[in-house]
Amino acid sequence: MAGKFEVYKDASDKFRFRLKAGNGEIIAVGEAYESKAGVLNGIESIKKNAAEAEVVDQTA
């Protein structure tokens, strides 16, 4: 089963998303957005940019 983005409203009535793996585990949570359009744009940005994103290890 593929992962999915879930869009929801938090306790402050802000829009947020969480990314769930195919097994239902939450693997990422987005920031708070003022509008539904904003949260959907955030999801699209992740979908577009994440595949080529560099991993920067700042623990070294």
C-alpha atoms as a PDB file:
ATOM      1  CA  MET A   1       0.000   0.000   0.000  1.00  0.00           C
ATOM      2  CA  ALA A   2       1.293   3.463  -0.887  1.00  0.00           C
ATOM      3  CA  GLY A   3       1.759   6.265   1.590  1.00  0.00           C
ATOM      4  CA  LYS A   4      -0.675   9.149   1.857  1.00  0.00           C
ATOM      5  CA  PHE A   5      -0.902  12.762   2.946  1.00  0.00           C
ATOM      6  CA  GLU A   6      -3.695  13.537   5.412  1.00  0.00           C
ATOM      7  CA  VAL A   7      -4.922  17.139   5.688  1.00  0.00           C
ATOM      8  CA  TYR A   8      -6.571  18.142   8.964  1.00  0.00           C
ATOM      9  CA  LYS A   9      -7.266  21.081  11.263  1.00  0.00           C
ATOM     10  CA  ASP A  10      -5.440  21.309  14.584  1.00  0.00           C
ATOM     11  CA  ALA A  11      -6.779  22.565  17.938  1.00  0.00           C
ATOM     12  CA  SER A  12      -6.016  26.164  16.876  1.00  0.00           C
ATOM     13  CA  ASP A  13      -8.143  25.732  13.718  1.00  0.00           C
ATOM     14  CA  LYS A  14      -5.024  25.822  11.495  1.00  0.00           C
ATOM     15  CA  PHE A  15      -4.523  23.499   8.533  1.00  0.00           C
ATOM     16  CA  ARG A  16      -1.830  20.841   8.818  1.00  0.00           C
ATOM     17  CA  PHE A  17      -0.760  17.670   7.070  1.00  0.00           C
ATOM     18  CA  ARG A  18       0.822  14.430   8.097  1.00  0.00           C
ATOM     19  CA  LEU A  19       2.472  11.936   5.788  1.00  0.00           C
ATOM     20  CA  LYS A  20       1.726   8.328   6.578  1.00  0.00           C
ATOM     21  CA  ALA A  21       3.601   5.295   5.314  1.00  0.00           C
ATOM     22  CA  GLY A  22       1.727   2.402   3.757  1.00  0.00           C
ATOM     23  CA  ASN A  23       1.546   0.701   7.158  1.00  0.00           C
ATOM     24  CA  GLY A  24      -0.183   3.754   8.703  1.00  0.00           C
ATOM     25  CA  GLU A  25       2.849   5.025  10.618  1.00  0.00           C
ATOM     26  CA  ILE A  26       3.240   8.815  10.657  1.00  0.00           C
ATOM     27  CA  ILE A  27       6.588   9.639   9.061  1.00  0.00           C
ATOM     28  CA  ALA A  28       6.317  13.433   8.670  1.00  0.00           C
ATOM     29  CA  VAL A  29       4.198  16.299  10.003  1.00  0.00           C
ATOM     30  CA  GLY A  30       3.860  19.718   8.408  1.00  0.00           C
ATOM     31  CA  GLU A  31       3.758  23.189   9.913  1.00  0.00           C
ATOM     32  CA  ALA A  32       0.521  25.101  10.541  1.00  0.00           C
ATOM     33  CA  TYR A  33      -1.019  26.899   7.564  1.00  0.00           C
ATOM     34  CA  GLU A  34      -3.679  29.609   7.591  1.00  0.00           C
ATOM     35  CA  SER A  35      -5.543  28.220   4.578  1.00  0.00           C
ATOM     36  CA  LYS A  36      -6.336  24.915   2.937  1.00  0.00           C
ATOM     37  CA  ALA A  37      -4.725  26.203  -0.276  1.00  0.00           C
ATOM     38  CA  GLY A  38      -1.539  26.865   1.710  1.00  0.00           C
ATOM     39  CA  VAL A  39      -1.344  23.364   3.118  1.00  0.00           C
ATOM     40  CA  LEU A  40      -2.022  21.833  -0.303  1.00  0.00           C
ATOM     41  CA  ASN A  41       0.765  23.978  -1.793  1.00  0.00           C
ATOM     42  CA  GLY A  42       3.083  22.740   0.971  1.00  0.00           C
ATOM     43  CA  ILE A  43       2.273  19.136   0.099  1.00  0.00           C
ATOM     44  CA  GLU A  44       2.901  19.772  -3.596  1.00  0.00           C
ATOM     45  CA  SER A  45       6.249  21.368  -2.782  1.00  0.00           C
ATOM     46  CA  ILE A  46       7.317  18.304  -0.822  1.00  0.00           C
ATOM     47  CA  LYS A  47       6.192  15.965  -3.582  1.00  0.00           C
ATOM     48  CA  LYS A  48       8.140  18.001  -6.139  1.00  0.00           C
ATOM     49  CA  ASN A  49      11.361  18.600  -4.172  1.00  0.00           C
ATOM     50  CA  ALA A  50      11.831  15.631  -1.829  1.00  0.00           C
ATOM     51  CA  ALA A  51      12.947  13.085  -4.420  1.00  0.00           C
ATOM     52  CA  GLU A  52      16.079  15.073  -5.227  1.00  0.00           C
ATOM     53  CA  ALA A  53      16.704  16.576  -1.792  1.00  0.00           C
ATOM     54  CA  GLU A  54      20.204  16.273  -0.389  1.00  0.00           C
ATOM     55  CA  VAL A  55      20.681  14.673   3.030  1.00  0.00           C
ATOM     56  CA  VAL A  56      22.853  16.920   5.208  1.00  0.00           C
ATOM     57  CA  ASP A  57      24.198  15.214   8.344  1.00  0.00           C
ATOM     58  CA  GLN A  58      24.697  17.926  10.943  1.00  0.00           C
ATOM     59  CA  THR A  59      25.694  15.487  13.680  1.00  0.00           C
ATOM     60  CA  ALA A  60      29.264  15.125  12.470  1.00  0.00           C
END
